[in-house]
PDB file of N, CA and C in Angstrom:
ATOM      1  N   MET A   1      34.463  51.641 106.530  1.00  0.00           N
ATOM      2  CA  MET A   1      35.653  51.880 105.733  1.00  0.00           C
ATOM      3  C   MET A   1      35.936  53.373 105.726  1.00  0.00           C
ATOM      4  N   GLN A   2      37.181  53.723 105.936  1.00  0.00           N
ATOM      5  CA  GLN A   2      37.593  55.127 105.953  1.00  0.00           C
ATOM      6  C   GLN A   2      37.779  55.629 104.520  1.00  0.00           C
ATOM      7  N   GLY A   3      37.411  56.878 104.266  1.00  0.00           N
ATOM      8  CA  GLY A   3      37.601  57.455 102.930  1.00  0.00           C
ATOM      9  C   GLY A   3      36.602  56.912 101.939  1.00  0.00           C
ATOM     10  N   LYS A   4      36.780  57.323 100.704  1.00  0.00           N
ATOM     11  CA  LYS A   4      35.890  56.884  99.637  1.00  0.00           C
ATOM     12  C   LYS A   4      36.382  55.563  99.071  1.00  0.00           C
ATOM     13  N   ALA A   5      35.533  54.577  99.092  1.00  0.00           N
ATOM     14  CA  ALA A   5      35.878  53.276  98.535  1.00  0.00           C
ATOM     15  C   ALA A   5      35.969  53.366  97.021  1.00  0.00           C
ATOM     16  N   ARG A   6      36.966  52.674  96.471  1.00  0.00           N
ATOM     17  CA  ARG A   6      37.156  52.634  95.022  1.00  0.00           C
ATOM     18  C   ARG A   6      36.559  51.337  94.486  1.00  0.00           C
ATOM     19  N   ILE A   7      35.671  51.478  93.507  1.00  0.00           N
ATOM     20  CA  ILE A   7      34.976  50.331  92.929  1.00  0.00           C
ATOM     21  C   ILE A   7      35.212  50.293  91.426  1.00  0.00           C
ATOM     22  N   LEU A   8      35.492  49.098  90.919  1.00  0.00           N
ATOM     23  CA  LEU A   8      35.573  48.879  89.476  1.00  0.00           C
ATOM     24  C   LEU A   8      34.404  47.992  89.078  1.00  0.00           C
ATOM     25  N   VAL A   9      33.518  48.516  88.243  1.00  0.00           N
ATOM     26  CA  VAL A   9      32.374  47.776  87.718  1.00  0.00           C
ATOM     27  C   VAL A   9      32.745  47.272  86.332  1.00  0.00           C
ATOM     28  N   VAL A  10      32.600  45.960  86.128  1.00  0.00           N
ATOM     29  CA  VAL A  10      32.951  45.364  84.842  1.00  0.00           C
ATOM     30  C   VAL A  10      31.714  44.657  84.296  1.00  0.00           C
ATOM     31  N   ASP A  11      31.166  45.213  83.229  1.00  0.00           N
ATOM     32  CA  ASP A  11      29.949  44.677  82.622  1.00  0.00           C
ATOM     33  C   ASP A  11      30.017  44.973  81.133  1.00  0.00           C
ATOM     34  N   ASP A  12      29.630  44.007  80.304  1.00  0.00           N
ATOM     35  CA  ASP A  12      29.725  44.216  78.853  1.00  0.00           C
ATOM     36  C   ASP A  12      28.647  45.154  78.318  1.00  0.00           C
ATOM     37  N   SER A  13      27.675  45.510  79.141  1.00  0.00           N
ATOM     38  CA  SER A  13      26.624  46.433  78.729  1.00  0.00           C
ATOM     39  C   SER A  13      26.984  47.863  79.125  1.00  0.00           C
ATOM     40  N   ASN A  14      27.047  48.741  78.141  1.00  0.00           N
ATOM     41  CA  ASN A  14      27.322  50.142  78.408  1.00  0.00           C
ATOM     42  C   ASN A  14      26.250  50.751  79.312  1.00  0.00           C
ATOM     43  N   ASP A  15      24.988  50.377  79.093  1.00  0.00           N
ATOM     44  CA  ASP A  15      23.892  50.891  79.921  1.00  0.00           C
ATOM     45  C   ASP A  15      24.064  50.474  81.380  1.00  0.00           C
ATOM     46  N   ASN A  16      24.433  49.222  81.609  1.00  0.00           N
ATOM     47  CA  ASN A  16      24.645  48.754  82.984  1.00  0.00           C
ATOM     48  C   ASN A  16      25.811  49.493  83.636  1.00  0.00           C
ATOM     49  N   CYS A  17      26.882  49.694  82.897  1.00  0.00           N
ATOM     50  CA  CYS A  17      28.035  50.437  83.433  1.00  0.00           C
ATOM     51  C   CYS A  17      27.634  51.856  83.808  1.00  0.00           C
ATOM     52  N   THR A  18      26.886  52.519  82.935  1.00  0.00           N
ATOM     53  CA  THR A  18      26.460  53.892  83.193  1.00  0.00           C
ATOM     54  C   THR A  18      25.559  53.955  84.415  1.00  0.00           C
ATOM     55  N   MET A  19      24.592  53.054  84.508  1.00  0.00           N
ATOM     56  CA  MET A  19      23.669  53.025  85.638  1.00  0.00           C
ATOM     57  C   MET A  19      24.413  52.786  86.947  1.00  0.00           C
ATOM     58  N   MET A  20      25.320  51.824  86.956  1.00  0.00           N
ATOM     59  CA  MET A  20      26.067  51.503  88.181  1.00  0.00           C
ATOM     60  C   MET A  20      26.975  52.664  88.584  1.00  0.00           C
ATOM     61  N   ALA A  21      27.618  53.289  87.611  1.00  0.00           N
ATOM     62  CA  ALA A  21      28.504  54.420  87.911  1.00  0.00           C
ATOM     63  C   ALA A  21      27.708  55.573  88.518  1.00  0.00           C
ATOM     64  N   MET A  22      26.530  55.847  87.968  1.00  0.00           N
ATOM     65  CA  MET A  22      25.701  56.932  88.500  1.00  0.00           C
ATOM     66  C   MET A  22      25.194  56.598  89.897  1.00  0.00           C
ATOM     67  N   LEU A  23      24.650  55.409  90.072  1.00  0.00           N
ATOM     68  CA  LEU A  23      24.088  55.005  91.358  1.00  0.00           C
ATOM     69  C   LEU A  23      25.148  54.995  92.456  1.00  0.00           C
ATOM     70  N   LEU A  24      26.250  54.322  92.199  1.00  0.00           N
ATOM     71  CA  LEU A  24      27.296  54.207  93.217  1.00  0.00           C
ATOM     72  C   LEU A  24      28.033  55.528  93.419  1.00  0.00           C
ATOM     73  N   GLY A  25      28.167  56.300  92.357  1.00  0.00           N
ATOM     74  CA  GLY A  25      28.789  57.617  92.477  1.00  0.00           C
ATOM     75  C   GLY A  25      27.971  58.540  93.362  1.00  0.00           C
ATOM     76  N   HIS A  26      26.653  58.494  93.231  1.00  0.00           N
ATOM     77  CA  HIS A  26      25.778  59.312  94.074  1.00  0.00           C
ATOM     78  C   HIS A  26      25.842  58.880  95.536  1.00  0.00           C
ATOM     79  N   MET A  27      26.267  57.648  95.766  1.00  0.00           N
ATOM     80  CA  MET A  27      26.388  57.143  97.132  1.00  0.00           C
ATOM     81  C   MET A  27      27.748  57.481  97.743  1.00  0.00           C
ATOM     82  N   GLY A  28      28.596  58.145  96.944  1.00  0.00           N
ATOM     83  CA  GLY A  28      29.880  58.589  97.467  1.00  0.00           C
ATOM     84  C   GLY A  28      31.067  57.708  97.132  1.00  0.00           C
ATOM     85  N   TYR A  29      30.839  56.664  96.361  1.00  0.00           N
ATOM     86  CA  TYR A  29      31.947  55.797  95.964  1.00  0.00           C
ATOM     87  C   TYR A  29      32.666  56.377  94.752  1.00  0.00           C
ATOM     88  N   VAL A  30      33.929  56.062  94.615  1.00  0.00           N
ATOM     89  CA  VAL A  30      34.700  56.405  93.425  1.00  0.00           C
ATOM     90  C   VAL A  30      34.569  55.210  92.485  1.00  0.00           C
ATOM     91  N   VAL A  31      33.942  55.423  91.339  1.00  0.00           N
ATOM     92  CA  VAL A  31      33.588  54.311  90.451  1.00  0.00           C
ATOM     93  C   VAL A  31      34.248  54.463  89.091  1.00  0.00           C
ATOM     94  N   GLU A  32      34.824  53.364  88.633  1.00  0.00           N
ATOM     95  CA  GLU A  32      35.321  53.252  87.259  1.00  0.00           C
ATOM     96  C   GLU A  32      34.609  52.079  86.627  1.00  0.00           C
ATOM     97  N   THR A  33      34.520  52.086  85.299  1.00  0.00           N
ATOM     98  CA  THR A  33      33.856  50.989  84.607  1.00  0.00           C
ATOM     99  C   THR A  33      34.736  50.456  83.479  1.00  0.00           C
ATOM    100  N   ALA A  34      34.485  49.195  83.159  1.00  0.00           N
ATOM    101  CA  ALA A  34      35.143  48.541  82.027  1.00  0.00           C
ATOM    102  C   ALA A  34      34.123  47.602  81.396  1.00  0.00           C
ATOM    103  N   ARG A  35      34.250  47.398  80.084  1.00  0.00           N
ATOM    104  CA  ARG A  35      33.307  46.519  79.391  1.00  0.00           C
ATOM    105  C   ARG A  35      33.920  45.214  78.920  1.00  0.00           C
ATOM    106  N   THR A  36      35.223  45.055  79.093  1.00  0.00           N
ATOM    107  CA  THR A  36      35.877  43.794  78.732  1.00  0.00           C
ATOM    108  C   THR A  36      36.836  43.390  79.842  1.00  0.00           C
ATOM    109  N   VAL A  37      37.206  42.130  79.841  1.00  0.00           N
ATOM    110  CA  VAL A  37      38.182  41.634  80.807  1.00  0.00           C
ATOM    111  C   VAL A  37      39.526  42.317  80.581  1.00  0.00           C
ATOM    112  N   THR A  38      39.903  42.490  79.334  1.00  0.00           N
ATOM    113  CA  THR A  38      41.168  43.148  79.010  1.00  0.00           C
ATOM    114  C   THR A  38      41.210  44.566  79.556  1.00  0.00           C
ATOM    115  N   GLU A  39      40.143  45.320  79.337  1.00  0.00           N
ATOM    116  CA  GLU A  39      40.065  46.686  79.843  1.00  0.00           C
ATOM    117  C   GLU A  39      40.073  46.704  81.373  1.00  0.00           C
ATOM    118  N   ALA A  40      39.375  45.764  81.986  1.00  0.00           N
ATOM    119  CA  ALA A  40      39.323  45.690  83.447  1.00  0.00           C
ATOM    120  C   ALA A  40      40.702  45.424  84.034  1.00  0.00           C
ATOM    121  N   MET A  41      41.445  44.517  83.442  1.00  0.00           N
ATOM    122  CA  MET A  41      42.769  44.195  83.966  1.00  0.00           C
ATOM    123  C   MET A  41      43.752  45.350  83.768  1.00  0.00           C
ATOM    124  N   LYS A  42      43.572  46.093  82.695  1.00  0.00           N
ATOM    125  CA  LYS A  42      44.402  47.273  82.480  1.00  0.00           C
ATOM    126  C   LYS A  42      44.154  48.285  83.605  1.00  0.00           C
ATOM    127  N   LEU A  43      42.896  48.524  83.931  1.00  0.00           N
ATOM    128  CA  LEU A  43      42.556  49.447  85.017  1.00  0.00           C
ATOM    129  C   LEU A  43      43.008  48.895  86.368  1.00  0.00           C
ATOM    130  N   ALA A  44      42.798  47.615  86.593  1.00  0.00           N
ATOM    131  CA  ALA A  44      43.198  47.002  87.868  1.00  0.00           C
ATOM    132  C   ALA A  44      44.706  47.100  88.066  1.00  0.00           C
ATOM    133  N   GLY A  45      45.452  47.045  86.992  1.00  0.00           N
ATOM    134  CA  GLY A  45      46.900  47.160  87.074  1.00  0.00           C
ATOM    135  C   GLY A  45      47.377  48.540  87.482  1.00  0.00           C
ATOM    136  N   ASP A  46      46.492  49.534  87.375  1.00  0.00           N
ATOM    137  CA  ASP A  46      46.840  50.906  87.764  1.00  0.00           C
ATOM    138  C   ASP A  46      46.801  51.121  89.268  1.00  0.00           C
ATOM    139  N   GLY A  47      46.289  50.174  90.000  1.00  0.00           N
ATOM    140  CA  GLY A  47      46.220  50.293  91.459  1.00  0.00           C
ATOM    141  C   GLY A  47      45.046  49.517  91.999  1.00  0.00           C
ATOM    142  N   PRO A  48      45.113  49.163  93.260  1.00  0.00           N
ATOM    143  CA  PRO A  48      44.068  48.325  93.847  1.00  0.00           C
ATOM    144  C   PRO A  48      42.728  49.049  93.979  1.00  0.00           C
ATOM    145  N   ARG A  49      41.676  48.266  93.970  1.00  0.00           N
ATOM    146  CA  ARG A  49      40.325  48.748  94.218  1.00  0.00           C
ATOM    147  C   ARG A  49      39.840  48.081  95.498  1.00  0.00           C
ATOM    148  N   ASP A  50      38.875  48.686  96.143  1.00  0.00           N
ATOM    149  CA  ASP A  50      38.297  48.092  97.341  1.00  0.00           C
ATOM    150  C   ASP A  50      37.289  47.014  96.989  1.00  0.00           C
ATOM    151  N   LEU A  51      36.656  47.177  95.825  1.00  0.00           N
ATOM    152  CA  LEU A  51      35.623  46.234  95.400  1.00  0.00           C
ATOM    153  C   LEU A  51      35.593  46.170  93.880  1.00  0.00           C
ATOM    154  N   TYR A  52      35.443  44.941  93.392  1.00  0.00           N
ATOM    155  CA  TYR A  52      35.240  44.699  91.966  1.00  0.00           C
ATOM    156  C   TYR A  52      33.856  44.085  91.818  1.00  0.00           C
ATOM    157  N   ILE A  53      33.010  44.700  90.984  1.00  0.00           N
ATOM    158  CA  ILE A  53      31.683  44.154  90.695  1.00  0.00           C
ATOM    159  C   ILE A  53      31.732  43.690  89.254  1.00  0.00           C
ATOM    160  N   ILE A  54      31.569  42.375  89.046  1.00  0.00           N
ATOM    161  CA  ILE A  54      31.765  41.838  87.703  1.00  0.00           C
ATOM    162  C   ILE A  54      30.585  40.987  87.241  1.00  0.00           C
ATOM    163  N   ASP A  55      30.390  40.993  85.940  1.00  0.00           N
ATOM    164  CA  ASP A  55      29.375  40.182  85.273  1.00  0.00           C
ATOM    165  C   ASP A  55      29.990  38.803  85.012  1.00  0.00           C
ATOM    166  N   SER A  56      29.182  37.880  84.528  1.00  0.00           N
ATOM    167  CA  SER A  56      29.667  36.514  84.312  1.00  0.00           C
ATOM    168  C   SER A  56      30.288  36.260  82.947  1.00  0.00           C
ATOM    169  N   TYR A  57      29.809  36.954  81.918  1.00  0.00           N
ATOM    170  CA  TYR A  57      30.267  36.648  80.562  1.00  0.00           C
ATOM    171  C   TYR A  57      30.665  37.912  79.810  1.00  0.00           C
ATOM    172  N   PHE A  58      31.769  37.793  79.071  1.00  0.00           N
ATOM    173  CA  PHE A  58      32.293  38.876  78.251  1.00  0.00           C
ATOM    174  C   PHE A  58      32.708  38.304  76.908  1.00  0.00           C
ATOM    175  N   THR A  59      32.946  39.171  75.942  1.00  0.00           N
ATOM    176  CA  THR A  59      33.359  38.694  74.627  1.00  0.00           C
ATOM    177  C   THR A  59      34.769  38.118  74.640  1.00  0.00           C
ATOM    178  N   ASP A  60      35.604  38.569  75.597  1.00  0.00           N
ATOM    179  CA  ASP A  60      36.997  38.125  75.597  1.00  0.00           C
ATOM    180  C   ASP A  60      37.342  37.122  76.703  1.00  0.00           C
ATOM    181  N   ALA A  61      36.430  36.816  77.595  1.00  0.00           N
ATOM    182  CA  ALA A  61      36.681  35.818  78.644  1.00  0.00           C
ATOM    183  C   ALA A  61      35.449  35.701  79.523  1.00  0.00           C
ATOM    184  N   ARG A  62      35.493  34.782  80.462  1.00  0.00           N
ATOM    185  CA  ARG A  62      34.415  34.638  81.444  1.00  0.00           C
ATOM    186  C   ARG A  62      34.744  35.448  82.690  1.00  0.00           C
ATOM    187  N   GLY A  63      33.723  35.790  83.428  1.00  0.00           N
ATOM    188  CA  GLY A  63      33.907  36.520  84.672  1.00  0.00           C
ATOM    189  C   GLY A  63      34.744  35.756  85.683  1.00  0.00           C
ATOM    190  N   THR A  64      34.648  34.436  85.663  1.00  0.00           N
ATOM    191  CA  THR A  64      35.448  33.640  86.600  1.00  0.00           C
ATOM    192  C   THR A  64      36.943  33.788  86.310  1.00  0.00           C
ATOM    193  N   GLU A  65      37.300  33.889  85.044  1.00  0.00           N
ATOM    194  CA  GLU A  65      38.714  34.112  84.696  1.00  0.00           C
ATOM    195  C   GLU A  65      39.157  35.488  85.174  1.00  0.00           C
ATOM    196  N   LEU A  66      38.315  36.495  84.994  1.00  0.00           N
ATOM    197  CA  LEU A  66      38.628  37.835  85.491  1.00  0.00           C
ATOM    198  C   LEU A  66      38.803  37.805  87.005  1.00  0.00           C
ATOM    199  N   CYS A  67      37.941  37.108  87.698  1.00  0.00           N
ATOM    200  CA  CYS A  67      38.030  37.021  89.152  1.00  0.00           C
ATOM    201  C   CYS A  67      39.363  36.402  89.570  1.00  0.00           C
ATOM    202  N   ARG A  68      39.780  35.341  88.909  1.00  0.00           N
ATOM    203  CA  ARG A  68      41.077  34.714  89.219  1.00  0.00           C
ATOM    204  C   ARG A  68      42.234  35.689  88.987  1.00  0.00           C
ATOM    205  N   GLN A  69      42.158  36.440  87.894  1.00  0.00           N
ATOM    206  CA  GLN A  69      43.210  37.411  87.602  1.00  0.00           C
ATOM    207  C   GLN A  69      43.238  38.522  88.652  1.00  0.00           C
ATOM    208  N   ILE A  70      42.073  38.975  89.071  1.00  0.00           N
ATOM    209  CA  ILE A  70      41.995  39.999  90.124  1.00  0.00           C
ATOM    210  C   ILE A  70      42.589  39.450  91.414  1.00  0.00           C
ATOM    211  N   ARG A  71      42.225  38.232  91.774  1.00  0.00           N
ATOM    212  CA  ARG A  71      42.748  37.592  92.987  1.00  0.00           C
ATOM    213  C   ARG A  71      44.280  37.503  92.948  1.00  0.00           C
ATOM    214  N   ALA A  72      44.835  37.184  91.784  1.00  0.00           N
ATOM    215  CA  ALA A  72      46.287  37.086  91.657  1.00  0.00           C
ATOM    216  C   ALA A  72      46.943  38.454  91.820  1.00  0.00           C
ATOM    217  N   LEU A  73      46.290  39.483  91.319  1.00  0.00           N
ATOM    218  CA  LEU A  73      46.815  40.842  91.364  1.00  0.00           C
ATOM    219  C   LEU A  73      46.579  41.510  92.720  1.00  0.00           C
ATOM    220  N   ASP A  74      45.425  41.252  93.311  1.00  0.00           N
ATOM    221  CA  ASP A  74      45.004  41.962  94.520  1.00  0.00           C
ATOM    222  C   ASP A  74      44.218  41.013  95.435  1.00  0.00           C
ATOM    223  N   PRO A  75      44.902  40.138  96.161  1.00  0.00           N
ATOM    224  CA  PRO A  75      44.217  39.122  96.968  1.00  0.00           C
ATOM    225  C   PRO A  75      43.307  39.685  98.063  1.00  0.00           C
ATOM    226  N   ALA A  76      43.530  40.907  98.499  1.00  0.00           N
ATOM    227  CA  ALA A  76      42.743  41.485  99.595  1.00  0.00           C
ATOM    228  C   ALA A  76      41.430  42.119  99.138  1.00  0.00           C
ATOM    229  N   ALA A  77      41.277  42.360  97.861  1.00  0.00           N
ATOM    230  CA  ALA A  77      40.082  43.050  97.356  1.00  0.00           C
ATOM    231  C   ALA A  77      38.851  42.156  97.446  1.00  0.00           C
ATOM    232  N   SER A  78      37.701  42.790  97.573  1.00  0.00           N
ATOM    233  CA  SER A  78      36.436  42.065  97.532  1.00  0.00           C
ATOM    234  C   SER A  78      35.970  41.970  96.088  1.00  0.00           C
ATOM    235  N   VAL A  79      35.374  40.823  95.752  1.00  0.00           N
ATOM    236  CA  VAL A  79      34.845  40.609  94.406  1.00  0.00           C
ATOM    237  C   VAL A  79      33.401  40.140  94.539  1.00  0.00           C
ATOM    238  N   LEU A  80      32.532  40.800  93.794  1.00  0.00           N
ATOM    239  CA  LEU A  80      31.106  40.513  93.810  1.00  0.00           C
ATOM    240  C   LEU A  80      30.647  40.296  92.374  1.00  0.00           C
ATOM    241  N   PHE A  81      30.005  39.163  92.110  1.00  0.00           N
ATOM    242  CA  PHE A  81      29.399  38.930  90.808  1.00  0.00           C
ATOM    243  C   PHE A  81      27.993  39.514  90.833  1.00  0.00           C
ATOM    244  N   TYR A  82      27.649  40.265  89.785  1.00  0.00           N
ATOM    245  CA  TYR A  82      26.308  40.815  89.605  1.00  0.00           C
ATOM    246  C   TYR A  82      25.909  40.457  88.188  1.00  0.00           C
ATOM    247  N   SER A  83      25.048  39.444  88.047  1.00  0.00           N
ATOM    248  CA  SER A  83      24.850  38.841  86.738  1.00  0.00           C
ATOM    249  C   SER A  83      23.435  38.309  86.555  1.00  0.00           C
ATOM    250  N   THR A  84      23.043  38.132  85.300  1.00  0.00           N
ATOM    251  CA  THR A  84      21.783  37.465  84.981  1.00  0.00           C
ATOM    252  C   THR A  84      21.989  35.969  84.823  1.00  0.00           C
ATOM    253  N   ALA A  85      23.233  35.534  84.693  1.00  0.00           N
ATOM    254  CA  ALA A  85      23.546  34.110  84.546  1.00  0.00           C
ATOM    255  C   ALA A  85      23.461  33.465  85.916  1.00  0.00           C
ATOM    256  N   TYR A  86      22.388  32.736  86.144  1.00  0.00           N
ATOM    257  CA  TYR A  86      22.253  32.150  87.462  1.00  0.00           C
ATOM    258  C   TYR A  86      21.787  30.715  87.364  1.00  0.00           C
ATOM    259  N   GLY A  87      22.552  29.905  87.932  1.00  0.00           N
ATOM    260  CA  GLY A  87      22.270  28.497  88.110  1.00  0.00           C
ATOM    261  C   GLY A  87      23.257  28.042  89.166  1.00  0.00           C
ATOM    262  N   HIS A  88      23.058  26.872  89.677  1.00  0.00           N
ATOM    263  CA  HIS A  88      23.965  26.389  90.714  1.00  0.00           C
ATOM    264  C   HIS A  88      25.413  26.367  90.205  1.00  0.00           C
ATOM    265  N   ALA A  89      25.606  25.977  88.958  1.00  0.00           N
ATOM    266  CA  ALA A  89      26.964  25.915  88.399  1.00  0.00           C
ATOM    267  C   ALA A  89      27.594  27.308  88.311  1.00  0.00           C
ATOM    268  N   ASP A  90      26.811  28.322  87.931  1.00  0.00           N
ATOM    269  CA  ASP A  90      27.334  29.691  87.845  1.00  0.00           C
ATOM    270  C   ASP A  90      27.735  30.206  89.224  1.00  0.00           C
ATOM    271  N   LEU A  91      26.879  29.995  90.202  1.00  0.00           N
ATOM    272  CA  LEU A  91      27.164  30.415  91.573  1.00  0.00           C
ATOM    273  C   LEU A  91      28.405  29.713  92.100  1.00  0.00           C
ATOM    274  N   GLU A  92      28.475  28.418  91.938  1.00  0.00           N
ATOM    275  CA  GLU A  92      29.621  27.638  92.421  1.00  0.00           C
ATOM    276  C   GLU A  92      30.921  28.069  91.736  1.00  0.00           C
ATOM    277  N   ALA A  93      30.881  28.281  90.430  1.00  0.00           N
ATOM    278  CA  ALA A  93      32.077  28.703  89.692  1.00  0.00           C
ATOM    279  C   ALA A  93      32.551  30.072  90.168  1.00  0.00           C
ATOM    280  N   ALA A  94      31.623  30.992  90.413  1.00  0.00           N
ATOM    281  CA  ALA A  94      31.983  32.333  90.887  1.00  0.00           C
ATOM    282  C   ALA A  94      32.662  32.257  92.249  1.00  0.00           C
ATOM    283  N   LEU A  95      32.085  31.493  93.159  1.00  0.00           N
ATOM    284  CA  LEU A  95      32.657  31.376  94.499  1.00  0.00           C
ATOM    285  C   LEU A  95      34.004  30.655  94.473  1.00  0.00           C
ATOM    286  N   GLN A  96      34.125  29.638  93.649  1.00  0.00           N
ATOM    287  CA  GLN A  96      35.399  28.914  93.534  1.00  0.00           C
ATOM    288  C   GLN A  96      36.489  29.781  92.918  1.00  0.00           C
ATOM    289  N   SER A  97      36.123  30.744  92.099  1.00  0.00           N
ATOM    290  CA  SER A  97      37.128  31.614  91.476  1.00  0.00           C
ATOM    291  C   SER A  97      37.603  32.705  92.436  1.00  0.00           C
ATOM    292  N   GLY A  98      36.933  32.830  93.596  1.00  0.00           N
ATOM    293  CA  GLY A  98      37.396  33.784  94.601  1.00  0.00           C
ATOM    294  C   GLY A  98      36.419  34.883  94.968  1.00  0.00           C
ATOM    295  N   ALA A  99      35.212  34.867  94.403  1.00  0.00           N
ATOM    296  CA  ALA A  99      34.223  35.893  94.728  1.00  0.00           C
ATOM    297  C   ALA A  99      33.642  35.666  96.119  1.00  0.00           C
ATOM    298  N   GLN A 100      33.283  36.762  96.772  1.00  0.00           N
ATOM    299  CA  GLN A 100      32.634  36.663  98.075  1.00  0.00           C
ATOM    300  C   GLN A 100      31.118  36.549  97.964  1.00  0.00           C
ATOM    301  N   ALA A 101      30.545  37.014  96.848  1.00  0.00           N
ATOM    302  CA  ALA A 101      29.091  37.002  96.714  1.00  0.00           C
ATOM    303  C   ALA A 101      28.690  36.955  95.248  1.00  0.00           C
ATOM    304  N   PHE A 102      27.455  36.518  95.035  1.00  0.00           N
ATOM    305  CA  PHE A 102      26.856  36.457  93.700  1.00  0.00           C
ATOM    306  C   PHE A 102      25.430  36.961  93.842  1.00  0.00           C
ATOM    307  N   ILE A 103      25.123  38.081  93.195  1.00  0.00           N
ATOM    308  CA  ILE A 103      23.795  38.691  93.241  1.00  0.00           C
ATOM    309  C   ILE A 103      23.184  38.608  91.848  1.00  0.00           C
ATOM    310  N   LEU A 104      21.938  38.203  91.813  1.00  0.00           N
ATOM    311  CA  LEU A 104      21.226  38.087  90.542  1.00  0.00           C
ATOM    312  C   LEU A 104      20.650  39.440  90.141  1.00  0.00           C
ATOM    313  N   LYS A 105      20.960  39.887  88.912  1.00  0.00           N
ATOM    314  CA  LYS A 105      20.375  41.118  88.373  1.00  0.00           C
ATOM    315  C   LYS A 105      18.881  40.920  88.222  1.00  0.00           C
ATOM    316  N   PRO A 106      18.081  41.893  88.429  1.00  0.00           N
ATOM    317  CA  PRO A 106      18.350  43.292  88.731  1.00  0.00           C
ATOM    318  C   PRO A 106      18.104  43.642  90.207  1.00  0.00           C
ATOM    319  N   ASP A 107      18.418  42.760  91.138  1.00  0.00           N
ATOM    320  CA  ASP A 107      18.140  42.991  92.565  1.00  0.00           C
ATOM    321  C   ASP A 107      19.074  44.061  93.131  1.00  0.00           C
ATOM    322  N   ILE A 108      18.708  45.321  92.932  1.00  0.00           N
ATOM    323  CA  ILE A 108      19.523  46.461  93.369  1.00  0.00           C
ATOM    324  C   ILE A 108      19.599  46.528  94.890  1.00  0.00           C
ATOM    325  N   ASP A 109      18.489  46.246  95.575  1.00  0.00           N
ATOM    326  CA  ASP A 109      18.498  46.320  97.042  1.00  0.00           C
ATOM    327  C   ASP A 109      19.513  45.346  97.641  1.00  0.00           C
ATOM    328  N   GLU A 110      19.506  44.115  97.156  1.00  0.00           N
ATOM    329  CA  GLU A 110      20.466  43.120  97.657  1.00  0.00           C
ATOM    330  C   GLU A 110      21.895  43.508  97.249  1.00  0.00           C
ATOM    331  N   LEU A 111      22.052  44.049  96.067  1.00  0.00           N
ATOM    332  CA  LEU A 111      23.364  44.512  95.620  1.00  0.00           C
ATOM    333  C   LEU A 111      23.907  45.570  96.575  1.00  0.00           C
ATOM    334  N   LEU A 112      23.095  46.566  96.899  1.00  0.00           N
ATOM    335  CA  LEU A 112      23.553  47.644  97.774  1.00  0.00           C
ATOM    336  C   LEU A 112      23.838  47.153  99.192  1.00  0.00           C
ATOM    337  N   ARG A 113      23.011  46.233  99.695  1.00  0.00           N
ATOM    338  CA  ARG A 113      23.278  45.647 101.019  1.00  0.00           C
ATOM    339  C   ARG A 113      24.608  44.898 101.023  1.00  0.00           C
ATOM    340  N   THR A 114      24.842  44.130  99.972  1.00  0.00           N
ATOM    341  CA  THR A 114      26.064  43.329  99.892  1.00  0.00           C
ATOM    342  C   THR A 114      27.288  44.217  99.736  1.00  0.00           C
ATOM    343  N   ILE A 115      27.193  45.271  98.940  1.00  0.00           N
ATOM    344  CA  ILE A 115      28.298  46.224  98.806  1.00  0.00           C
ATOM    345  C   ILE A 115      28.635  46.815 100.151  1.00  0.00           C
ATOM    346  N   ALA A 116      27.633  47.253 100.898  1.00  0.00           N
ATOM    347  CA  ALA A 116      27.868  47.842 102.225  1.00  0.00           C
ATOM    348  C   ALA A 116      28.541  46.837 103.154  1.00  0.00           C
ATOM    349  N   GLN A 117      28.122  45.588 103.111  1.00  0.00           N
ATOM    350  CA  GLN A 117      28.744  44.559 103.952  1.00  0.00           C
ATOM    351  C   GLN A 117      30.190  44.314 103.563  1.00  0.00           C
ATOM    352  N   LEU A 118      30.452  44.234 102.272  1.00  0.00           N
ATOM    353  CA  LEU A 118      31.820  43.956 101.821  1.00  0.00           C
ATOM    354  C   LEU A 118      32.773  45.095 102.081  1.00  0.00           C
ATOM    355  N   LEU A 119      32.255  46.311 102.095  1.00  0.00           N
ATOM    356  CA  LEU A 119      33.126  47.479 102.295  1.00  0.00           C
ATOM    357  C   LEU A 119      33.187  47.937 103.744  1.00  0.00           C
ATOM    358  N   ASP A 120      32.426  47.284 104.622  1.00  0.00           N
ATOM    359  CA  ASP A 120      32.418  47.677 106.040  1.00  0.00           C
ATOM    360  C   ASP A 120      33.708  47.264 106.735  1.00  0.00           C
TER     361      ASP A 120
END
């Protein structure tokens, strides 16, 4: 991918947002964070991102609903779920909502490999 990829990390944990912003920022990505679906959609409305990394559950909606909204707004963007909620139903729901991948927290190595693949 040419230039710096823009990533929006959406996680209800402030610590997770901070960690992801620092890690991905050090790797050269332009990173923004949001802790709610409402906040994420407000940021997404400001312009497209190359990748959205989202959690499964928020206080104001589910990650699958956020994924559908992102798909409606930006069909070309990549969406990756990074979550502790893992079961066959969670994986299937994420993929059906339009995500390309689902990584179980805290597998950082697999997360970074998948990010590189999605942004290549």
